[in-house]
Amino acid sequence: MRHPEAEADLAQLLRTGPFHLALRAALAARGLPLQRVRHHLAHRGITVGVTSLCYWQQGARRPQRPESLKAVRALEELLELPGGSLIRLLDGPAAGGGTSGAGVERGEVVRPAARSYRALVEASGVVEELIAGLGLPADGGLHTVGHHERVRIGAGRQLVGRDSLHVLRAHRDGVDRYVAIHHGDPGCDPERVEVRAGDNCRTGRVRWHRETGVVVAELLFDARLRAGDTYALGYAFEDGTGGQSAEYVRGFSFAGGQYVLQVGFHEDALPVRCRRFAQASAGAPRGARGELTLSGRHRTVHFVEQGVRPGILGIDWDWE
C-alpha cells in the first residue's frame, strides 16, 4: 500500500528535482531494493550495476551515456512514473555534493543531523550489497511482530552500544536466520564493533564496510521455522568507536509490528532536550515531532510505534 506522504514528497521532487533525490524518493515509495531493480532492468536487456544505481541516487554520479539514459527511461516505467519525468531532471544542473546537514525543505528549518542525507543513502546501498553478498533475500522470509531496542550513550557522548529483543514471524518454510544491521556514528570503526548473540541465536557470518560504518551480522536460529511460526531472539552490538552522537535512527523497508526505541544516557552526559521524529524517506523532512521527557531516575527516553510503516523512525537530542 502506498503512503500518501511519500507519494506527495515524490510528486514534489519530480517537479523540482534534483534528479538523485527524485530517484531516491521513487525507489523508497515503491519499496524496491537496488538488487531487485538491477534484476528487473536485466530482464529488459539493460545492464546496470547496483553500485551505479547507488551512486545515481546519492548524487555522486549522473547517468550520461546512452545505455545509462536508456536505463533511466526503463526506471520510469518500472517505478510507475510519468514518462520523461526523470530524464527531464537530468537537463538541470547537478546538485552539489558533500553537504553535512539535512538542509531546508518546504520552508522548514531542519536540525543538522549527525549523519548527512548522503551518508544515509550510501549506507542503504552498502547494506543491500552486503546482504546480497551473503546470498540472502532482502526480507529474509521474516516480518517483525515486535522489536524493543535499547541504545546506550556513554560518558563521552558516544554510542556505546545497543541491545535488541526481537520477535519475528516466518512467512515461508525453512527460515533459520536473521540479518541484523548496525550503522555506527561518524568516525565509527566497524572492525572493532562486537556482535553479541543473546537468547535463542548464535553469531554466523559478519560483514562490514569501513567507509560507511555499516556492520551486517547473520544470527543463526536454534531451529528451522515453518510459515507462521514466531521466534524471539536477543542480540547486541557493542560499539563505542564513533564520535559524539546526536541521534539514533532506524530505517524500515517493510511494514511491521510494534517498535519500541529507548535511549539511555550516562549520568555524566545528560542532554538538555530530546525529541522523537519520523521521515517517509532519507531525503524527506522530519515530521511527527514530539518532545520526550528524560527520566530522572533511569536517565532514559523512549517512544512506542504500534504499527511500523516503511520509512525512518528515531530520536534526536541536544547537548547544549
Protein backbone atom coordinates (compact mmCIF):
# COMPACT_ATOMS: atom_id res chain seq x y z
CA MET A 1 0.00 0.00 0.00
CA ARG A 2 1.38 3.40 -0.97
CA HIS A 3 1.86 6.02 1.71
CA PRO A 4 0.28 9.42 0.87
CA GLU A 5 3.11 11.42 2.46
CA ALA A 6 5.76 9.53 0.49
CA GLU A 7 3.74 9.99 -2.73
CA ALA A 8 3.46 13.74 -2.06
CA ASP A 9 7.23 14.02 -1.48
CA LEU A 10 7.85 12.09 -4.70
CA ALA A 11 5.49 14.27 -6.74
CA GLN A 12 7.20 17.40 -5.44
CA LEU A 13 10.69 16.10 -6.25
CA LEU A 14 9.64 15.04 -9.75
CA ARG A 15 8.61 18.66 -10.35
CA THR A 16 11.59 20.39 -8.77
CA GLY A 17 14.44 17.85 -8.71
CA PRO A 18 17.26 17.32 -8.28
CA PHE A 19 17.46 14.03 -10.14
CA HIS A 20 19.13 11.99 -7.40
CA LEU A 21 16.58 12.94 -4.73
CA ALA A 22 13.69 12.20 -7.09
CA LEU A 23 15.14 8.78 -7.94
CA ARG A 24 15.75 8.02 -4.28
CA ALA A 25 12.20 9.04 -3.34
CA ALA A 26 10.74 6.89 -6.15
CA LEU A 27 12.69 3.82 -5.04
CA ALA A 28 11.63 4.35 -1.42
CA ALA A 29 7.98 4.97 -2.32
CA ARG A 30 7.83 1.76 -4.34
CA GLY A 31 9.78 -0.25 -1.76
CA LEU A 32 12.23 -1.64 -4.32
CA PRO A 33 15.76 -2.59 -3.17
CA LEU A 34 18.56 -1.95 -5.66
CA GLN A 35 19.22 -5.64 -6.26
CA ARG A 36 15.64 -6.12 -7.42
CA VAL A 37 15.84 -3.03 -9.64
CA ARG A 38 19.01 -4.36 -11.25
CA HIS A 39 17.26 -7.70 -11.81
CA HIS A 40 14.25 -6.06 -13.49
CA LEU A 41 16.48 -3.94 -15.73
CA ALA A 42 18.46 -7.03 -16.74
CA HIS A 43 15.20 -8.69 -17.86
CA ARG A 44 14.76 -5.70 -20.16
CA GLY A 45 18.23 -6.26 -21.59
CA ILE A 46 19.76 -3.32 -19.72
CA THR A 47 22.87 -3.93 -17.63
CA VAL A 48 23.38 -1.52 -14.71
CA GLY A 49 25.27 -2.45 -11.57
CA VAL A 50 23.98 -1.91 -8.04
CA THR A 51 26.95 0.40 -7.40
CA SER A 52 25.95 2.65 -10.31
CA LEU A 53 22.34 2.79 -9.13
CA CYS A 54 23.56 3.63 -5.66
CA TYR A 55 25.76 6.46 -7.00
CA TRP A 56 22.85 7.83 -9.07
CA GLN A 57 20.57 8.12 -6.05
CA GLN A 58 23.39 9.59 -3.95
CA GLY A 59 24.12 12.32 -6.48
CA ALA A 60 27.74 11.14 -6.67
CA ARG A 61 27.30 10.41 -10.40
CA ARG A 62 24.74 11.27 -13.07
CA PRO A 63 23.67 8.94 -15.90
CA GLN A 64 25.03 10.36 -19.16
CA ARG A 65 25.92 7.51 -21.54
CA PRO A 66 23.23 6.31 -23.99
CA GLU A 67 22.93 2.98 -22.16
CA SER A 68 22.52 4.82 -18.85
CA LEU A 69 19.82 7.10 -20.26
CA LYS A 70 18.05 4.03 -21.62
CA ALA A 71 18.12 2.64 -18.08
CA VAL A 72 16.60 5.85 -16.70
CA ARG A 73 13.69 5.60 -19.16
CA ALA A 74 13.19 1.98 -18.10
CA LEU A 75 13.24 3.08 -14.45
CA GLU A 76 10.37 5.49 -15.16
CA GLU A 77 8.30 2.55 -16.38
CA LEU A 78 9.43 0.19 -13.62
CA LEU A 79 8.72 2.75 -10.89
CA GLU A 80 5.38 3.74 -12.47
CA LEU A 81 6.41 7.36 -13.04
CA PRO A 82 5.17 9.72 -15.77
CA GLY A 83 7.12 9.31 -18.99
CA GLY A 84 10.13 11.64 -19.15
CA SER A 85 9.82 12.74 -15.51
CA LEU A 86 13.30 11.54 -14.52
CA ILE A 87 15.01 12.21 -17.85
CA ARG A 88 13.81 15.83 -17.71
CA LEU A 89 15.61 16.37 -14.39
CA LEU A 90 18.94 15.41 -15.97
CA ASP A 91 18.77 18.57 -18.08
CA GLY A 92 19.18 20.69 -14.95
CA PRO A 93 22.38 21.40 -13.02
CA ALA A 94 23.86 18.68 -10.86
CA ALA A 95 23.33 19.04 -7.16
CA GLY A 96 26.40 19.95 -5.15
CA GLY A 97 27.86 17.13 -3.09
CA GLY A 98 29.28 16.89 0.34
CA THR A 99 26.53 18.60 2.35
CA SER A 100 26.77 17.79 6.03
CA GLY A 101 23.23 18.68 7.12
CA ALA A 102 19.69 17.88 6.11
CA GLY A 103 19.22 21.35 4.62
CA VAL A 104 15.95 23.25 4.21
CA GLU A 105 12.85 21.82 2.51
CA ARG A 106 9.29 23.19 2.26
CA GLY A 107 10.25 26.20 4.33
CA GLU A 108 11.10 24.07 7.36
CA VAL A 109 14.45 24.62 9.02
CA VAL A 110 15.73 21.13 9.69
CA ARG A 111 18.06 20.45 12.61
CA PRO A 112 21.52 19.43 11.40
CA ALA A 113 21.75 15.66 11.71
CA ALA A 114 24.65 13.57 12.96
CA ARG A 115 24.53 11.78 9.61
CA SER A 116 24.06 13.60 6.32
CA TYR A 117 21.47 12.58 3.75
CA ARG A 118 24.29 11.29 1.55
CA ALA A 119 25.65 9.14 4.38
CA LEU A 120 22.24 7.55 4.91
CA VAL A 121 21.86 6.81 1.20
CA GLU A 122 25.35 5.36 0.94
CA ALA A 123 24.71 3.14 3.95
CA SER A 124 21.43 1.90 2.43
CA GLY A 125 23.19 0.83 -0.77
CA VAL A 126 26.02 -0.81 1.18
CA VAL A 127 23.56 -2.81 3.30
CA GLU A 128 21.86 -4.16 0.18
CA GLU A 129 25.21 -5.18 -1.31
CA LEU A 130 26.43 -6.84 1.90
CA ILE A 131 23.19 -8.82 2.30
CA ALA A 132 23.28 -9.82 -1.37
CA GLY A 133 26.88 -10.97 -0.83
CA LEU A 134 25.62 -13.36 1.84
CA GLY A 135 23.28 -14.89 -0.74
CA LEU A 136 20.16 -13.97 1.26
CA PRO A 137 16.87 -12.41 0.07
CA ALA A 138 16.09 -8.84 1.09
CA ASP A 139 13.27 -9.72 3.51
CA GLY A 140 14.79 -12.97 4.81
CA GLY A 141 11.38 -14.67 4.91
CA LEU A 142 10.53 -12.89 8.18
CA HIS A 143 8.49 -9.96 9.36
CA THR A 144 8.59 -8.21 12.72
CA VAL A 145 5.94 -8.83 15.35
CA GLY A 146 7.70 -6.70 17.94
CA HIS A 147 11.10 -5.10 18.44
CA HIS A 148 12.35 -3.48 21.67
CA GLU A 149 15.65 -1.69 21.14
CA ARG A 150 17.70 0.00 23.85
CA VAL A 151 20.51 2.38 22.81
CA ARG A 152 23.28 3.22 25.30
CA ILE A 153 25.06 6.61 25.19
CA GLY A 154 28.29 6.81 27.19
CA ALA A 155 30.02 9.42 29.35
CA GLY A 156 31.88 10.70 26.29
CA ARG A 157 28.52 11.29 24.49
CA GLN A 158 29.27 8.41 22.13
CA LEU A 159 27.07 5.48 21.12
CA VAL A 160 28.41 2.72 23.38
CA GLY A 161 26.10 0.00 22.13
CA ARG A 162 22.55 -1.16 21.61
CA ASP A 163 20.55 -4.19 22.72
CA SER A 164 17.58 -5.74 20.92
CA LEU A 165 14.80 -8.11 21.87
CA HIS A 166 13.24 -9.07 18.54
CA VAL A 167 10.12 -11.16 17.93
CA LEU A 168 9.74 -12.37 14.34
CA ARG A 169 7.23 -14.42 12.34
CA ALA A 170 8.19 -16.57 9.35
CA HIS A 171 6.15 -16.22 6.18
CA ARG A 172 7.75 -19.19 4.45
CA ASP A 173 9.11 -22.57 5.48
CA GLY A 174 12.76 -23.27 6.24
CA VAL A 175 13.84 -19.89 7.67
CA ASP A 176 16.72 -20.36 10.10
CA ARG A 177 18.48 -16.99 10.39
CA TYR A 178 18.04 -13.24 10.74
CA VAL A 179 20.34 -10.48 9.48
CA ALA A 180 20.91 -7.66 11.99
CA ILE A 181 22.31 -4.32 10.84
CA HIS A 182 24.34 -1.71 12.72
CA HIS A 183 25.20 1.74 11.36
CA GLY A 184 27.76 3.47 13.58
CA ASP A 185 28.07 7.20 14.07
CA PRO A 186 30.60 9.21 12.01
CA GLY A 187 34.10 8.04 12.88
CA CYS A 188 32.95 4.51 13.73
CA ASP A 189 35.49 1.73 13.16
CA PRO A 190 33.31 -1.24 12.11
CA GLU A 191 36.21 -3.68 12.52
CA ARG A 192 36.09 -3.02 16.27
CA VAL A 193 32.32 -3.33 16.63
CA GLU A 194 31.43 -6.51 18.52
CA VAL A 195 28.35 -8.57 17.70
CA ARG A 196 26.92 -10.32 20.75
CA ALA A 197 24.34 -13.08 20.25
CA GLY A 198 21.93 -13.47 23.15
CA ASP A 199 18.84 -15.63 23.65
CA ASN A 200 17.98 -18.27 21.06
CA CYS A 201 20.63 -17.44 18.46
CA ARG A 202 24.34 -17.62 17.68
CA THR A 203 26.53 -15.42 15.51
CA GLY A 204 27.12 -16.52 11.92
CA ARG A 205 28.85 -14.54 9.20
CA VAL A 206 29.69 -10.88 9.87
CA ARG A 207 30.45 -8.34 7.12
CA TRP A 208 31.37 -4.68 7.46
CA HIS A 209 32.11 -1.61 5.33
CA ARG A 210 34.73 0.80 6.66
CA GLU A 211 33.70 3.98 4.82
CA THR A 212 30.07 3.96 5.97
CA GLY A 213 30.49 2.29 9.37
CA VAL A 214 27.97 -0.42 8.48
CA VAL A 215 28.07 -3.88 10.09
CA VAL A 216 25.83 -6.73 8.89
CA ALA A 217 25.60 -9.79 11.15
CA GLU A 218 23.94 -13.13 10.49
CA LEU A 219 22.18 -14.53 13.57
CA LEU A 220 21.51 -18.27 13.34
CA PHE A 221 18.42 -19.80 14.99
CA ASP A 222 18.34 -22.98 17.02
CA ALA A 223 15.67 -24.46 14.71
CA ARG A 224 14.20 -24.07 11.22
CA LEU A 225 10.89 -22.25 11.22
CA ARG A 226 7.73 -23.13 9.34
CA ALA A 227 5.48 -20.49 7.82
CA GLY A 228 3.51 -18.88 10.64
CA ASP A 229 6.00 -19.76 13.40
CA THR A 230 7.19 -16.97 15.70
CA TYR A 231 10.70 -16.67 17.10
CA ALA A 232 12.17 -14.45 19.84
CA LEU A 233 15.87 -13.65 19.88
CA GLY A 234 18.17 -11.24 21.67
CA TYR A 235 21.34 -9.65 20.33
CA ALA A 236 23.55 -6.61 20.78
CA PHE A 237 26.17 -4.51 19.04
CA GLU A 238 28.97 -3.13 21.23
CA ASP A 239 30.44 -0.02 19.58
CA GLY A 240 31.93 3.00 21.35
CA THR A 241 34.23 3.73 18.39
CA GLY A 242 32.44 6.74 16.87
CA GLY A 243 32.35 10.43 17.68
CA GLN A 244 29.77 12.43 19.59
CA SER A 245 26.27 11.10 18.99
CA ALA A 246 23.28 13.39 18.44
CA GLU A 247 20.58 10.97 17.27
CA TYR A 248 19.60 7.38 16.70
CA VAL A 249 17.65 6.44 13.59
CA ARG A 250 16.25 3.15 12.30
CA GLY A 251 15.06 2.57 8.75
CA PHE A 252 12.26 0.17 7.86
CA SER A 253 11.98 -1.26 4.34
CA PHE A 254 8.80 -3.20 5.16
CA ALA A 255 5.73 -2.68 7.33
CA GLY A 256 5.88 -4.46 10.67
CA GLY A 257 4.51 -4.73 14.18
CA GLN A 258 5.32 -2.77 17.32
CA TYR A 259 8.65 -0.95 17.67
CA VAL A 260 9.93 0.45 20.97
CA LEU A 261 13.03 2.66 20.95
CA GLN A 262 14.64 3.50 24.28
CA VAL A 263 17.75 5.69 24.61
CA GLY A 264 19.68 5.68 27.89
CA PHE A 265 22.31 8.28 28.82
CA HIS A 266 25.26 8.10 31.21
CA GLU A 267 24.73 10.16 34.35
CA ASP A 268 27.72 12.36 33.43
CA ALA A 269 26.38 13.12 29.93
CA LEU A 270 22.72 14.13 30.03
CA PRO A 271 21.12 16.01 27.09
CA VAL A 272 19.09 19.18 27.62
CA ARG A 273 16.36 18.21 25.15
CA CYS A 274 15.13 15.04 23.39
CA ARG A 275 12.61 14.56 20.56
CA ARG A 276 11.16 11.70 18.55
CA PHE A 277 10.64 12.05 14.80
CA ALA A 278 9.58 10.20 11.66
CA GLN A 279 10.54 10.51 7.99
CA ALA A 280 8.95 9.00 4.89
CA SER A 281 12.44 8.60 3.37
CA ALA A 282 16.02 9.75 3.95
CA GLY A 283 15.53 12.85 1.77
CA ALA A 284 12.17 13.85 3.24
CA PRO A 285 11.67 16.45 6.00
CA ARG A 286 11.30 15.20 9.55
CA GLY A 287 7.74 15.14 10.85
CA ALA A 288 5.70 13.66 13.73
CA ARG A 289 7.90 15.60 16.14
CA GLY A 290 7.31 15.01 19.83
CA GLU A 291 9.16 16.17 22.94
CA LEU A 292 10.39 13.36 25.19
CA THR A 293 10.93 13.80 28.93
CA LEU A 294 14.12 12.37 30.38
CA SER A 295 13.51 10.11 33.36
CA GLY A 296 15.49 11.45 36.29
CA ARG A 297 15.92 8.05 37.91
CA HIS A 298 16.71 5.91 34.87
CA ARG A 299 18.09 8.67 32.58
CA THR A 300 16.17 7.34 29.58
CA VAL A 301 13.65 8.44 26.98
CA HIS A 302 11.52 6.23 24.74
CA PHE A 303 8.63 6.03 22.31
CA VAL A 304 6.34 3.24 21.11
CA GLU A 305 5.21 2.84 17.48
CA GLN A 306 2.32 0.38 17.36
CA GLY A 307 2.34 -0.35 13.62
CA VAL A 308 5.57 0.36 11.75
CA ARG A 309 5.34 1.57 8.15
CA PRO A 310 8.20 1.80 5.61
CA GLY A 311 10.34 4.84 6.39
CA ILE A 312 12.52 6.11 9.22
CA LEU A 313 11.91 6.50 12.96
CA GLY A 314 14.28 7.95 15.51
CA ILE A 315 15.15 10.11 18.49
CA ASP A 316 17.49 13.11 18.43
CA TRP A 317 18.81 15.26 21.27
CA ASP A 318 20.68 18.48 22.10
CA TRP A 319 23.70 18.51 24.36
CA GLU A 320 23.75 22.27 24.99
